[in-house]
Amino acid sequence: NQTGTDRRDGFVNRVKAKYPQIKLLEVQYAEGGDQTKAQDIVAAALVANKDLKGIYGTNEGVSIGAGQAFKAANVAKGSIKLIGFDSGKQQMANIKDGLQSGAITQSPMGIGAKTVEALVNYVRNKKTPAALIDTGFYYYDAKNITDPKIAGNLYE
């Protein structure tokens, strides 16, 4: 879907532009976030790339599957960084436990507020909303997961 494509492209393009010394492996797809497929892909990557430093999961399912692969391979906590996207009970538990380094979450509250604001502006002023509206996001990890402004945007 477009969201997954944008998350992938944003990551790949930023690494290539800003961190050219980082070697990226070929992008792998877990069929819409299938946890089992993601686990299999990450397990194979762990075997084939002994110098692997990090994994980026573009959604909750991929992040959870990657965490399962880390567990099955007995990856020492923190030795390979795992950054995910979204939240969810298992991903949050993996972060609290140190298996996963952190994740990015959207701001559902920001999405709701900006949607109402755009609708009101359209109804009152006939002003069409911008094509892109920044609704906010947060990076969270074990240190800030309980911060009220972040915790309010996470879901289990």
N, C-alpha and C. Protein backbone atom coordinates (compact mmCIF):
# COMPACT_ATOMS: atom_id res chain seq x y z
N ASN A 1 0.84 -1.18 0.00
CA ASN A 1 0.00 0.00 0.00
C ASN A 1 0.88 1.25 0.00
N GLN A 2 0.28 2.38 -0.21
CA GLN A 2 1.05 3.62 -0.32
C GLN A 2 1.79 3.98 0.97
N THR A 3 1.17 3.72 2.11
CA THR A 3 1.82 4.02 3.38
C THR A 3 3.10 3.22 3.52
N GLY A 4 3.03 1.93 3.25
CA GLY A 4 4.21 1.08 3.33
C GLY A 4 5.29 1.51 2.35
N THR A 5 4.87 1.86 1.14
CA THR A 5 5.81 2.33 0.13
C THR A 5 6.50 3.61 0.59
N ASP A 6 5.74 4.53 1.14
CA ASP A 6 6.31 5.79 1.62
C ASP A 6 7.27 5.57 2.79
N ARG A 7 6.92 4.68 3.70
CA ARG A 7 7.80 4.39 4.83
C ARG A 7 9.11 3.76 4.33
N ARG A 8 8.99 2.82 3.42
CA ARG A 8 10.19 2.20 2.83
C ARG A 8 11.05 3.23 2.13
N ASP A 9 10.44 4.00 1.24
CA ASP A 9 11.20 4.98 0.45
C ASP A 9 11.82 6.05 1.33
N GLY A 10 11.08 6.52 2.33
CA GLY A 10 11.63 7.53 3.23
C GLY A 10 12.87 7.02 3.93
N PHE A 11 12.82 5.79 4.40
CA PHE A 11 13.96 5.18 5.09
C PHE A 11 15.14 5.01 4.13
N VAL A 12 14.90 4.33 3.02
CA VAL A 12 15.98 4.04 2.07
C VAL A 12 16.60 5.33 1.53
N ASN A 13 15.78 6.27 1.13
CA ASN A 13 16.30 7.51 0.56
C ASN A 13 17.11 8.31 1.58
N ARG A 14 16.66 8.34 2.82
CA ARG A 14 17.37 9.08 3.86
C ARG A 14 18.72 8.44 4.17
N VAL A 15 18.74 7.13 4.28
CA VAL A 15 20.01 6.44 4.57
C VAL A 15 20.99 6.69 3.43
N LYS A 16 20.54 6.54 2.19
CA LYS A 16 21.44 6.74 1.04
C LYS A 16 21.96 8.17 0.96
N ALA A 17 21.11 9.15 1.25
CA ALA A 17 21.50 10.55 1.15
C ALA A 17 22.36 11.02 2.32
N LYS A 18 22.04 10.59 3.50
CA LYS A 18 22.68 11.14 4.70
C LYS A 18 23.75 10.22 5.29
N TYR A 19 23.63 8.93 5.04
CA TYR A 19 24.55 7.96 5.65
C TYR A 19 25.08 6.98 4.59
N PRO A 20 25.81 7.48 3.60
CA PRO A 20 26.24 6.61 2.50
C PRO A 20 27.17 5.47 2.92
N GLN A 21 27.76 5.57 4.10
CA GLN A 21 28.64 4.51 4.58
C GLN A 21 27.87 3.28 5.07
N ILE A 22 26.56 3.42 5.25
CA ILE A 22 25.74 2.29 5.68
C ILE A 22 25.32 1.48 4.45
N LYS A 23 25.60 0.19 4.51
CA LYS A 23 25.22 -0.72 3.42
C LYS A 23 23.83 -1.26 3.73
N LEU A 24 22.91 -1.02 2.82
CA LEU A 24 21.56 -1.54 2.98
C LEU A 24 21.43 -2.86 2.25
N LEU A 25 20.77 -3.80 2.88
CA LEU A 25 20.43 -5.05 2.20
C LEU A 25 19.24 -4.79 1.30
N GLU A 26 18.95 -5.71 0.41
CA GLU A 26 17.78 -5.59 -0.44
C GLU A 26 16.52 -5.55 0.43
N VAL A 27 15.59 -4.70 0.07
CA VAL A 27 14.32 -4.61 0.81
C VAL A 27 13.58 -5.94 0.65
N GLN A 28 13.03 -6.41 1.76
CA GLN A 28 12.26 -7.65 1.77
C GLN A 28 10.81 -7.31 2.14
N TYR A 29 9.87 -8.09 1.63
CA TYR A 29 8.46 -7.82 1.87
C TYR A 29 7.79 -8.98 2.59
N ALA A 30 7.01 -8.64 3.60
CA ALA A 30 6.32 -9.64 4.42
C ALA A 30 4.82 -9.64 4.14
N GLU A 31 4.48 -9.43 2.89
CA GLU A 31 3.08 -9.54 2.46
C GLU A 31 2.10 -8.81 3.37
N GLY A 32 2.29 -7.49 3.46
CA GLY A 32 1.36 -6.67 4.22
C GLY A 32 1.54 -6.72 5.72
N GLY A 33 2.68 -7.19 6.17
CA GLY A 33 2.92 -7.21 7.60
C GLY A 33 2.68 -8.56 8.26
N ASP A 34 2.74 -9.62 7.48
CA ASP A 34 2.56 -10.97 8.02
C ASP A 34 3.71 -11.29 8.97
N GLN A 35 3.38 -11.52 10.24
CA GLN A 35 4.40 -11.76 11.27
C GLN A 35 5.26 -12.98 10.98
N THR A 36 4.64 -14.07 10.55
CA THR A 36 5.39 -15.29 10.28
C THR A 36 6.33 -15.10 9.10
N LYS A 37 5.86 -14.47 8.06
CA LYS A 37 6.71 -14.20 6.89
C LYS A 37 7.87 -13.29 7.30
N ALA A 38 7.60 -12.26 8.09
CA ALA A 38 8.65 -11.36 8.56
C ALA A 38 9.67 -12.13 9.41
N GLN A 39 9.19 -13.01 10.26
CA GLN A 39 10.09 -13.81 11.10
C GLN A 39 11.01 -14.65 10.22
N ASP A 40 10.47 -15.28 9.19
CA ASP A 40 11.28 -16.10 8.29
C ASP A 40 12.32 -15.26 7.55
N ILE A 41 11.92 -14.09 7.08
CA ILE A 41 12.83 -13.21 6.34
C ILE A 41 13.97 -12.76 7.25
N VAL A 42 13.65 -12.33 8.47
CA VAL A 42 14.67 -11.85 9.39
C VAL A 42 15.57 -12.99 9.84
N ALA A 43 14.99 -14.16 10.07
CA ALA A 43 15.81 -15.32 10.46
C ALA A 43 16.84 -15.62 9.37
N ALA A 44 16.44 -15.59 8.12
CA ALA A 44 17.37 -15.83 7.01
C ALA A 44 18.42 -14.73 6.93
N ALA A 45 18.02 -13.49 7.16
CA ALA A 45 18.97 -12.37 7.13
C ALA A 45 20.00 -12.50 8.24
N LEU A 46 19.57 -12.97 9.41
CA LEU A 46 20.51 -13.15 10.53
C LEU A 46 21.57 -14.20 10.20
N VAL A 47 21.17 -15.26 9.52
CA VAL A 47 22.10 -16.33 9.15
C VAL A 47 23.05 -15.86 8.05
N ALA A 48 22.51 -15.15 7.07
CA ALA A 48 23.30 -14.75 5.89
C ALA A 48 24.17 -13.52 6.13
N ASN A 49 23.91 -12.76 7.19
CA ASN A 49 24.61 -11.49 7.40
C ASN A 49 25.09 -11.40 8.84
N LYS A 50 26.20 -12.02 9.11
CA LYS A 50 26.71 -12.07 10.49
C LYS A 50 27.08 -10.70 11.03
N ASP A 51 27.28 -9.72 10.14
CA ASP A 51 27.63 -8.37 10.59
C ASP A 51 26.44 -7.42 10.59
N LEU A 52 25.24 -7.97 10.57
CA LEU A 52 24.02 -7.17 10.55
C LEU A 52 23.95 -6.27 11.78
N LYS A 53 23.65 -5.00 11.57
CA LYS A 53 23.60 -4.03 12.68
C LYS A 53 22.19 -3.58 13.03
N GLY A 54 21.26 -3.70 12.08
CA GLY A 54 19.92 -3.20 12.37
C GLY A 54 18.87 -3.68 11.40
N ILE A 55 17.63 -3.63 11.87
CA ILE A 55 16.44 -3.99 11.09
C ILE A 55 15.42 -2.87 11.29
N TYR A 56 14.76 -2.49 10.20
CA TYR A 56 13.65 -1.53 10.29
C TYR A 56 12.39 -2.24 9.83
N GLY A 57 11.41 -2.33 10.69
CA GLY A 57 10.12 -2.91 10.36
C GLY A 57 9.12 -1.81 10.10
N THR A 58 8.56 -1.76 8.90
CA THR A 58 7.69 -0.65 8.51
C THR A 58 6.28 -0.70 9.08
N ASN A 59 5.97 -1.76 9.84
CA ASN A 59 4.66 -1.82 10.48
C ASN A 59 4.72 -2.76 11.68
N GLU A 60 3.65 -2.82 12.40
CA GLU A 60 3.60 -3.61 13.63
C GLU A 60 3.89 -5.09 13.39
N GLY A 61 3.27 -5.68 12.37
CA GLY A 61 3.46 -7.10 12.11
C GLY A 61 4.90 -7.45 11.78
N VAL A 62 5.54 -6.63 10.97
CA VAL A 62 6.93 -6.89 10.61
C VAL A 62 7.82 -6.74 11.84
N SER A 63 7.57 -5.74 12.64
CA SER A 63 8.37 -5.52 13.85
C SER A 63 8.24 -6.68 14.82
N ILE A 64 7.04 -7.18 14.99
CA ILE A 64 6.82 -8.32 15.88
C ILE A 64 7.49 -9.57 15.32
N GLY A 65 7.35 -9.81 14.03
CA GLY A 65 8.00 -10.96 13.40
C GLY A 65 9.52 -10.90 13.53
N ALA A 66 10.09 -9.71 13.35
CA ALA A 66 11.53 -9.53 13.51
C ALA A 66 11.94 -9.85 14.95
N GLY A 67 11.16 -9.39 15.90
CA GLY A 67 11.44 -9.68 17.31
C GLY A 67 11.41 -11.17 17.59
N GLN A 68 10.45 -11.87 16.97
CA GLN A 68 10.37 -13.33 17.14
C GLN A 68 11.62 -14.01 16.57
N ALA A 69 12.11 -13.51 15.43
CA ALA A 69 13.33 -14.07 14.84
C ALA A 69 14.52 -13.82 15.76
N PHE A 70 14.58 -12.65 16.37
CA PHE A 70 15.66 -12.34 17.32
C PHE A 70 15.61 -13.33 18.49
N LYS A 71 14.41 -13.56 19.02
CA LYS A 71 14.27 -14.49 20.14
C LYS A 71 14.72 -15.90 19.76
N ALA A 72 14.26 -16.37 18.61
CA ALA A 72 14.58 -17.73 18.16
C ALA A 72 16.08 -17.90 17.92
N ALA A 73 16.75 -16.84 17.49
CA ALA A 73 18.19 -16.91 17.21
C ALA A 73 19.03 -16.54 18.44
N ASN A 74 18.36 -16.26 19.56
CA ASN A 74 19.05 -15.85 20.78
C ASN A 74 19.95 -14.63 20.56
N VAL A 75 19.45 -13.66 19.81
CA VAL A 75 20.19 -12.41 19.59
C VAL A 75 20.26 -11.67 20.93
N ALA A 76 21.46 -11.31 21.34
CA ALA A 76 21.64 -10.57 22.59
C ALA A 76 20.92 -9.22 22.49
N LYS A 77 20.17 -8.89 23.52
CA LYS A 77 19.41 -7.64 23.52
C LYS A 77 20.31 -6.45 23.24
N GLY A 78 19.91 -5.68 22.22
CA GLY A 78 20.65 -4.48 21.86
C GLY A 78 21.80 -4.69 20.90
N SER A 79 22.20 -5.93 20.65
CA SER A 79 23.34 -6.17 19.77
C SER A 79 23.00 -5.88 18.31
N ILE A 80 21.76 -6.08 17.94
CA ILE A 80 21.24 -5.68 16.63
C ILE A 80 20.05 -4.79 16.91
N LYS A 81 20.08 -3.59 16.39
CA LYS A 81 19.00 -2.64 16.64
C LYS A 81 17.78 -3.01 15.81
N LEU A 82 16.63 -2.97 16.44
CA LEU A 82 15.35 -3.19 15.77
C LEU A 82 14.48 -1.98 16.02
N ILE A 83 14.18 -1.27 14.95
CA ILE A 83 13.30 -0.10 15.03
C ILE A 83 12.03 -0.45 14.25
N GLY A 84 10.90 -0.26 14.88
CA GLY A 84 9.64 -0.59 14.26
C GLY A 84 8.79 0.64 13.99
N PHE A 85 7.57 0.37 13.60
CA PHE A 85 6.60 1.42 13.33
C PHE A 85 5.28 0.98 13.92
N ASP A 86 4.51 1.92 14.44
CA ASP A 86 3.23 1.69 15.11
C ASP A 86 3.48 1.27 16.56
N SER A 87 2.50 0.64 17.17
CA SER A 87 2.70 0.19 18.54
C SER A 87 2.10 -1.20 18.67
N GLY A 88 1.16 -1.41 19.53
CA GLY A 88 0.61 -2.74 19.75
C GLY A 88 1.26 -3.39 20.96
N LYS A 89 0.52 -4.25 21.60
CA LYS A 89 0.92 -4.86 22.87
C LYS A 89 2.28 -5.57 22.80
N GLN A 90 2.48 -6.43 21.79
CA GLN A 90 3.72 -7.21 21.71
C GLN A 90 4.92 -6.32 21.39
N GLN A 91 4.74 -5.40 20.47
CA GLN A 91 5.85 -4.52 20.12
C GLN A 91 6.25 -3.66 21.33
N MET A 92 5.28 -3.17 22.06
CA MET A 92 5.57 -2.37 23.25
C MET A 92 6.28 -3.22 24.30
N ALA A 93 5.86 -4.48 24.46
CA ALA A 93 6.52 -5.39 25.41
C ALA A 93 7.96 -5.66 24.99
N ASN A 94 8.19 -5.82 23.69
CA ASN A 94 9.55 -6.05 23.19
C ASN A 94 10.45 -4.85 23.45
N ILE A 95 9.89 -3.66 23.37
CA ILE A 95 10.66 -2.44 23.65
C ILE A 95 10.98 -2.36 25.14
N LYS A 96 9.99 -2.58 25.97
CA LYS A 96 10.21 -2.52 27.42
C LYS A 96 11.23 -3.56 27.87
N ASP A 97 11.24 -4.71 27.20
CA ASP A 97 12.15 -5.80 27.54
C ASP A 97 13.56 -5.62 26.97
N GLY A 98 13.73 -4.68 26.04
CA GLY A 98 15.05 -4.45 25.45
C GLY A 98 15.32 -5.26 24.20
N LEU A 99 14.38 -6.09 23.78
CA LEU A 99 14.54 -6.87 22.55
C LEU A 99 14.50 -5.95 21.33
N GLN A 100 13.61 -4.98 21.38
CA GLN A 100 13.46 -4.00 20.30
C GLN A 100 13.94 -2.66 20.82
N SER A 101 14.69 -1.94 19.99
CA SER A 101 15.28 -0.66 20.41
C SER A 101 14.24 0.44 20.57
N GLY A 102 13.28 0.50 19.66
CA GLY A 102 12.27 1.54 19.72
C GLY A 102 11.36 1.46 18.51
N ALA A 103 10.47 2.44 18.40
CA ALA A 103 9.53 2.48 17.28
C ALA A 103 9.05 3.91 17.08
N ILE A 104 8.46 4.10 15.93
CA ILE A 104 7.83 5.38 15.61
C ILE A 104 6.33 5.13 15.62
N THR A 105 5.60 6.02 16.23
CA THR A 105 4.15 5.90 16.22
C THR A 105 3.54 7.16 15.62
N GLN A 106 2.47 6.96 14.92
CA GLN A 106 1.69 8.09 14.44
C GLN A 106 0.99 8.72 15.64
N SER A 107 0.38 9.85 15.41
CA SER A 107 -0.37 10.50 16.47
C SER A 107 -1.86 10.43 16.14
N PRO A 108 -2.57 9.40 16.62
CA PRO A 108 -4.00 9.33 16.35
C PRO A 108 -4.75 10.58 16.83
N MET A 109 -4.28 11.15 17.94
CA MET A 109 -4.93 12.38 18.43
C MET A 109 -4.70 13.51 17.44
N GLY A 110 -3.49 13.60 16.90
CA GLY A 110 -3.19 14.61 15.89
C GLY A 110 -3.97 14.40 14.62
N ILE A 111 -4.12 13.14 14.21
CA ILE A 111 -4.89 12.83 13.02
C ILE A 111 -6.34 13.29 13.20
N GLY A 112 -6.92 12.98 14.35
CA GLY A 112 -8.30 13.41 14.61
C GLY A 112 -8.44 14.92 14.66
N ALA A 113 -7.54 15.58 15.37
CA ALA A 113 -7.61 17.04 15.51
C ALA A 113 -7.44 17.74 14.16
N LYS A 114 -6.46 17.30 13.37
CA LYS A 114 -6.21 17.93 12.06
C LYS A 114 -7.35 17.66 11.08
N THR A 115 -8.00 16.51 11.21
CA THR A 115 -9.14 16.20 10.35
C THR A 115 -10.31 17.13 10.67
N VAL A 116 -10.59 17.31 11.96
CA VAL A 116 -11.67 18.22 12.36
C VAL A 116 -11.35 19.65 11.90
N GLU A 117 -10.11 20.07 12.11
CA GLU A 117 -9.69 21.41 11.70
C GLU A 117 -9.87 21.62 10.19
N ALA A 118 -9.46 20.64 9.39
CA ALA A 118 -9.61 20.74 7.94
C ALA A 118 -11.07 20.79 7.54
N LEU A 119 -11.89 19.97 8.19
CA LEU A 119 -13.32 19.95 7.87
C LEU A 119 -13.99 21.28 8.22
N VAL A 120 -13.69 21.79 9.40
CA VAL A 120 -14.27 23.07 9.82
C VAL A 120 -13.85 24.18 8.88
N ASN A 121 -12.57 24.22 8.53
CA ASN A 121 -12.10 25.25 7.60
C ASN A 121 -12.77 25.13 6.24
N TYR A 122 -13.02 23.91 5.81
CA TYR A 122 -13.68 23.73 4.52
C TYR A 122 -15.14 24.18 4.59
N VAL A 123 -15.85 23.78 5.64
CA VAL A 123 -17.26 24.13 5.77
C VAL A 123 -17.43 25.64 5.94
N ARG A 124 -16.62 26.24 6.79
CA ARG A 124 -16.75 27.68 7.06
C ARG A 124 -16.20 28.56 5.94
N ASN A 125 -15.05 28.19 5.40
CA ASN A 125 -14.34 29.08 4.47
C ASN A 125 -14.22 28.54 3.06
N LYS A 126 -14.74 27.34 2.83
CA LYS A 126 -14.60 26.66 1.53
C LYS A 126 -13.14 26.52 1.13
N LYS A 127 -12.26 26.43 2.13
CA LYS A 127 -10.83 26.29 1.89
C LYS A 127 -10.49 24.80 1.82
N THR A 128 -10.02 24.37 0.65
CA THR A 128 -9.62 22.98 0.48
C THR A 128 -8.36 22.70 1.31
N PRO A 129 -8.34 21.60 2.04
CA PRO A 129 -7.16 21.29 2.85
C PRO A 129 -5.92 21.07 1.98
N ALA A 130 -4.77 21.27 2.57
CA ALA A 130 -3.51 21.03 1.88
C ALA A 130 -3.42 19.55 1.50
N ALA A 131 -2.65 19.27 0.46
CA ALA A 131 -2.49 17.88 0.00
C ALA A 131 -1.76 17.03 1.04
N LEU A 132 -0.92 17.67 1.84
CA LEU A 132 -0.18 16.96 2.88
C LEU A 132 -0.34 17.71 4.19
N ILE A 133 -0.85 17.02 5.19
CA ILE A 133 -1.04 17.62 6.51
C ILE A 133 -0.22 16.81 7.51
N ASP A 134 0.69 17.47 8.19
CA ASP A 134 1.50 16.80 9.19
C ASP A 134 0.66 16.62 10.45
N THR A 135 0.34 15.38 10.76
CA THR A 135 -0.51 15.09 11.92
C THR A 135 0.30 14.68 13.15
N GLY A 136 1.63 14.63 13.00
CA GLY A 136 2.49 14.35 14.13
C GLY A 136 2.89 12.89 14.26
N PHE A 137 3.99 12.69 14.94
CA PHE A 137 4.51 11.35 15.20
C PHE A 137 5.46 11.45 16.39
N TYR A 138 5.80 10.30 16.94
CA TYR A 138 6.75 10.25 18.06
C TYR A 138 7.65 9.04 17.90
N TYR A 139 8.91 9.19 18.29
CA TYR A 139 9.80 8.05 18.45
C TYR A 139 9.70 7.67 19.92
N TYR A 140 9.52 6.40 20.19
CA TYR A 140 9.48 5.97 21.58
C TYR A 140 10.38 4.76 21.78
N ASP A 141 10.89 4.67 23.00
CA ASP A 141 11.75 3.56 23.40
C ASP A 141 11.48 3.27 24.88
N ALA A 142 12.30 2.44 25.48
CA ALA A 142 12.07 2.05 26.88
C ALA A 142 12.15 3.24 27.83
N LYS A 143 12.90 4.27 27.47
CA LYS A 143 13.06 5.43 28.35
C LYS A 143 11.86 6.36 28.36
N ASN A 144 11.16 6.48 27.22
CA ASN A 144 10.09 7.48 27.16
C ASN A 144 8.70 6.90 26.88
N ILE A 145 8.57 5.59 26.87
CA ILE A 145 7.30 4.96 26.51
C ILE A 145 6.16 5.34 27.46
N THR A 146 6.49 5.73 28.68
CA THR A 146 5.44 6.11 29.63
C THR A 146 5.20 7.62 29.67
N ASP A 147 5.95 8.39 28.92
CA ASP A 147 5.73 9.83 28.84
C ASP A 147 4.29 10.06 28.39
N PRO A 148 3.50 10.84 29.13
CA PRO A 148 2.08 11.00 28.81
C PRO A 148 1.79 11.43 27.37
N LYS A 149 2.62 12.30 26.79
CA LYS A 149 2.32 12.74 25.42
C LYS A 149 2.56 11.62 24.41
N ILE A 150 3.43 10.67 24.74
CA ILE A 150 3.66 9.53 23.86
C ILE A 150 2.68 8.41 24.19
N ALA A 151 2.54 8.07 25.46
CA ALA A 151 1.66 6.98 25.88
C ALA A 151 0.24 7.17 25.37
N GLY A 152 -0.20 8.40 25.28
CA GLY A 152 -1.55 8.69 24.78
C GLY A 152 -1.73 8.39 23.30
N ASN A 153 -0.63 8.16 22.59
CA ASN A 153 -0.69 7.86 21.15
C ASN A 153 -0.40 6.40 20.86
N LEU A 154 -0.20 5.60 21.90
CA LEU A 154 0.08 4.19 21.71
C LEU A 154 -1.18 3.37 21.95
N TYR A 155 -1.25 2.24 21.31
CA TYR A 155 -2.41 1.35 21.50
C TYR A 155 -1.92 -0.06 21.76
N GLU A 156 -2.73 -0.78 22.48
CA GLU A 156 -2.42 -2.19 22.74
C GLU A 156 -3.41 -3.04 22.01
